[in-house]
Amino acid sequence: MQTTNRYEGRPLLRLVDCLVLDAIDQLDDAKRAKLEALEPTLAQTFSASGTWQEMVGTQMGFADDVQDQIRQFWRSYLDRAVEQQLRADPQEFVIEFVAQNFPDLAPPRR
């Protein structure tokens, strides 16, 4: 999987990826702590308030239940992985999920 230049020139993409990882309980504690520490900067950048998740969600125009929806997709992904006897890769899920649902933010890979 190549993510070397995934975020170059697309800072919001990194935040969306982290939001998806957070929704499926795959965001590590160190990243979560960095994002929480970044909340004042995000609040200033976005002229918003709330948690980093709320601010990213507002910037993206997400519905209030977006994290529940992401978890449903994740469960389906896990079920398919089991059926196909494949390893579930949270980062691969994030890349595909974002590409399918937000192609303007991160176009699908070719």
C-alpha atoms as a PDB file:
ATOM      1  CA  MET A   1       0.000   0.000   0.000  1.00  0.00           C
ATOM      2  CA  GLN A   2       1.448   3.347  -0.992  1.00  0.00           C
ATOM      3  CA  THR A   3       0.524   6.299   1.183  1.00  0.00           C
ATOM      4  CA  THR A   4       3.782   8.214   0.825  1.00  0.00           C
ATOM      5  CA  ASN A   5       2.254  11.258  -0.891  1.00  0.00           C
ATOM      6  CA  ARG A   6      -1.358  10.643   0.121  1.00  0.00           C
ATOM      7  CA  TYR A   7      -1.530  13.755   2.286  1.00  0.00           C
ATOM      8  CA  GLU A   8       0.665  16.089   0.273  1.00  0.00           C
ATOM      9  CA  GLY A   9      -1.340  19.252  -0.291  1.00  0.00           C
ATOM     10  CA  ARG A  10      -4.407  17.694   1.370  1.00  0.00           C
ATOM     11  CA  PRO A  11      -4.313  18.354   5.129  1.00  0.00           C
ATOM     12  CA  LEU A  12      -8.051  17.768   5.511  1.00  0.00           C
ATOM     13  CA  LEU A  13      -7.607  14.255   4.105  1.00  0.00           C
ATOM     14  CA  ARG A  14      -5.364  13.282   7.027  1.00  0.00           C
ATOM     15  CA  LEU A  15      -8.038  14.494   9.448  1.00  0.00           C
ATOM     16  CA  VAL A  16     -10.785  12.592   7.631  1.00  0.00           C
ATOM     17  CA  ASP A  17      -8.665   9.428   7.625  1.00  0.00           C
ATOM     18  CA  CYS A  18      -8.150   9.830  11.376  1.00  0.00           C
ATOM     19  CA  LEU A  19     -11.876  10.377  11.858  1.00  0.00           C
ATOM     20  CA  VAL A  20     -12.622   7.112  10.050  1.00  0.00           C
ATOM     21  CA  LEU A  21      -9.977   5.264  12.076  1.00  0.00           C
ATOM     22  CA  ASP A  22     -11.445   6.740  15.250  1.00  0.00           C
ATOM     23  CA  ALA A  23     -14.959   5.652  14.280  1.00  0.00           C
ATOM     24  CA  ILE A  24     -13.806   2.033  13.883  1.00  0.00           C
ATOM     25  CA  ASP A  25     -11.732   2.123  17.093  1.00  0.00           C
ATOM     26  CA  GLN A  26      -8.447   1.819  15.195  1.00  0.00           C
ATOM     27  CA  LEU A  27      -6.927   5.238  15.925  1.00  0.00           C
ATOM     28  CA  ASP A  28      -3.954   4.758  18.196  1.00  0.00           C
ATOM     29  CA  ASP A  29      -3.754   6.625  21.490  1.00  0.00           C
ATOM     30  CA  ALA A  30      -0.745   8.713  20.446  1.00  0.00           C
ATOM     31  CA  LYS A  31      -2.514  10.058  17.352  1.00  0.00           C
ATOM     32  CA  ARG A  32      -5.682  10.666  19.338  1.00  0.00           C
ATOM     33  CA  ALA A  33      -3.717  12.677  21.907  1.00  0.00           C
ATOM     34  CA  LYS A  34      -2.053  14.733  19.140  1.00  0.00           C
ATOM     35  CA  LEU A  35      -5.421  15.468  17.561  1.00  0.00           C
ATOM     36  CA  GLU A  36      -6.918  16.472  20.894  1.00  0.00           C
ATOM     37  CA  ALA A  37      -3.952  18.789  21.471  1.00  0.00           C
ATOM     38  CA  LEU A  38      -4.548  20.231  17.998  1.00  0.00           C
ATOM     39  CA  GLU A  39      -8.171  21.189  18.779  1.00  0.00           C
ATOM     40  CA  PRO A  40      -7.400  24.867  19.594  1.00  0.00           C
ATOM     41  CA  THR A  41      -5.548  25.239  16.279  1.00  0.00           C
ATOM     42  CA  LEU A  42      -8.360  23.536  14.379  1.00  0.00           C
ATOM     43  CA  ALA A  43     -10.900  25.766  16.126  1.00  0.00           C
ATOM     44  CA  GLN A  44      -8.986  28.820  14.940  1.00  0.00           C
ATOM     45  CA  THR A  45      -8.412  27.442  11.425  1.00  0.00           C
ATOM     46  CA  PHE A  46     -12.036  26.421  10.915  1.00  0.00           C
ATOM     47  CA  SER A  47     -13.600  29.191  13.019  1.00  0.00           C
ATOM     48  CA  ALA A  48     -15.376  26.427  14.871  1.00  0.00           C
ATOM     49  CA  SER A  49     -15.601  24.815  18.265  1.00  0.00           C
ATOM     50  CA  GLY A  50     -15.981  21.319  19.622  1.00  0.00           C
ATOM     51  CA  THR A  51     -13.890  18.189  19.506  1.00  0.00           C
ATOM     52  CA  TRP A  52     -11.585  17.570  16.575  1.00  0.00           C
ATOM     53  CA  GLN A  53     -14.098  14.972  15.340  1.00  0.00           C
ATOM     54  CA  GLU A  54     -16.949  17.502  15.458  1.00  0.00           C
ATOM     55  CA  MET A  55     -14.912  20.155  13.656  1.00  0.00           C
ATOM     56  CA  VAL A  56     -13.824  17.758  10.899  1.00  0.00           C
ATOM     57  CA  GLY A  57     -17.394  16.519  10.574  1.00  0.00           C
ATOM     58  CA  THR A  58     -18.673  20.080  10.245  1.00  0.00           C
ATOM     59  CA  GLN A  59     -16.022  20.942   7.637  1.00  0.00           C
ATOM     60  CA  MET A  60     -17.011  17.880   5.621  1.00  0.00           C
ATOM     61  CA  GLY A  61     -20.744  18.415   6.061  1.00  0.00           C
ATOM     62  CA  PHE A  62     -21.163  15.028   7.716  1.00  0.00           C
ATOM     63  CA  ALA A  63     -24.457  13.946   9.222  1.00  0.00           C
ATOM     64  CA  ASP A  64     -24.524  13.558  12.995  1.00  0.00           C
ATOM     65  CA  ASP A  65     -24.595   9.763  12.676  1.00  0.00           C
ATOM     66  CA  VAL A  66     -21.599   9.514  10.327  1.00  0.00           C
ATOM     67  CA  GLN A  67     -19.531   7.546  12.822  1.00  0.00           C
ATOM     68  CA  ASP A  68     -22.322   4.979  13.173  1.00  0.00           C
ATOM     69  CA  GLN A  69     -22.503   4.706   9.391  1.00  0.00           C
ATOM     70  CA  ILE A  70     -18.734   4.224   9.157  1.00  0.00           C
ATOM     71  CA  ARG A  71     -18.924   1.459  11.792  1.00  0.00           C
ATOM     72  CA  GLN A  72     -21.615  -0.319   9.744  1.00  0.00           C
ATOM     73  CA  PHE A  73     -19.375  -0.242   6.661  1.00  0.00           C
ATOM     74  CA  TRP A  74     -16.464  -1.502   8.788  1.00  0.00           C
ATOM     75  CA  ARG A  75     -18.532  -4.436  10.085  1.00  0.00           C
ATOM     76  CA  SER A  76     -19.445  -5.334   6.494  1.00  0.00           C
ATOM     77  CA  TYR A  77     -15.784  -5.081   5.512  1.00  0.00           C
ATOM     78  CA  LEU A  78     -14.834  -7.387   8.399  1.00  0.00           C
ATOM     79  CA  ASP A  79     -17.538  -9.890   7.410  1.00  0.00           C
ATOM     80  CA  ARG A  80     -16.289  -9.957   3.804  1.00  0.00           C
ATOM     81  CA  ALA A  81     -12.705 -10.417   4.984  1.00  0.00           C
ATOM     82  CA  VAL A  82     -13.735 -13.417   7.082  1.00  0.00           C
ATOM     83  CA  GLU A  83     -15.762 -14.916   4.225  1.00  0.00           C
ATOM     84  CA  GLN A  84     -12.847 -14.509   1.827  1.00  0.00           C
ATOM     85  CA  GLN A  85     -10.297 -15.613   4.439  1.00  0.00           C
ATOM     86  CA  LEU A  86      -8.433 -12.332   4.117  1.00  0.00           C
ATOM     87  CA  ARG A  87      -6.799 -10.188   6.764  1.00  0.00           C
ATOM     88  CA  ALA A  88      -8.797  -7.074   7.627  1.00  0.00           C
ATOM     89  CA  ASP A  89      -6.555  -4.035   7.219  1.00  0.00           C
ATOM     90  CA  PRO A  90      -7.923  -0.894   8.903  1.00  0.00           C
ATOM     91  CA  GLN A  91      -5.691   1.439   6.861  1.00  0.00           C
ATOM     92  CA  GLU A  92      -6.757  -0.199   3.597  1.00  0.00           C
ATOM     93  CA  PHE A  93     -10.380   0.139   4.695  1.00  0.00           C
ATOM     94  CA  VAL A  94      -9.864   3.858   5.363  1.00  0.00           C
ATOM     95  CA  ILE A  95      -8.246   4.450   1.975  1.00  0.00           C
ATOM     96  CA  GLU A  96     -11.006   2.635   0.103  1.00  0.00           C
ATOM     97  CA  PHE A  97     -13.808   4.124   2.204  1.00  0.00           C
ATOM     98  CA  VAL A  98     -12.615   7.693   1.702  1.00  0.00           C
ATOM     99  CA  ALA A  99     -11.957   7.147  -2.014  1.00  0.00           C
ATOM    100  CA  GLN A 100     -15.434   5.719  -2.569  1.00  0.00           C
ATOM    101  CA  ASN A 101     -17.315   8.241  -0.465  1.00  0.00           C
ATOM    102  CA  PHE A 102     -15.232  11.395  -0.971  1.00  0.00           C
ATOM    103  CA  PRO A 103     -13.555  11.113  -4.389  1.00  0.00           C
ATOM    104  CA  ASP A 104     -12.951  14.875  -4.506  1.00  0.00           C
ATOM    105  CA  LEU A 105     -10.879  14.597  -1.343  1.00  0.00           C
ATOM    106  CA  ALA A 106      -8.973  11.434  -2.284  1.00  0.00           C
ATOM    107  CA  PRO A 107      -9.549  10.011  -5.772  1.00  0.00           C
ATOM    108  CA  PRO A 108      -9.788   6.224  -6.066  1.00  0.00           C
ATOM    109  CA  ARG A 109      -6.519   4.470  -6.809  1.00  0.00           C
ATOM    110  CA  ARG A 110      -5.952   3.209 -10.318  1.00  0.00           C
END
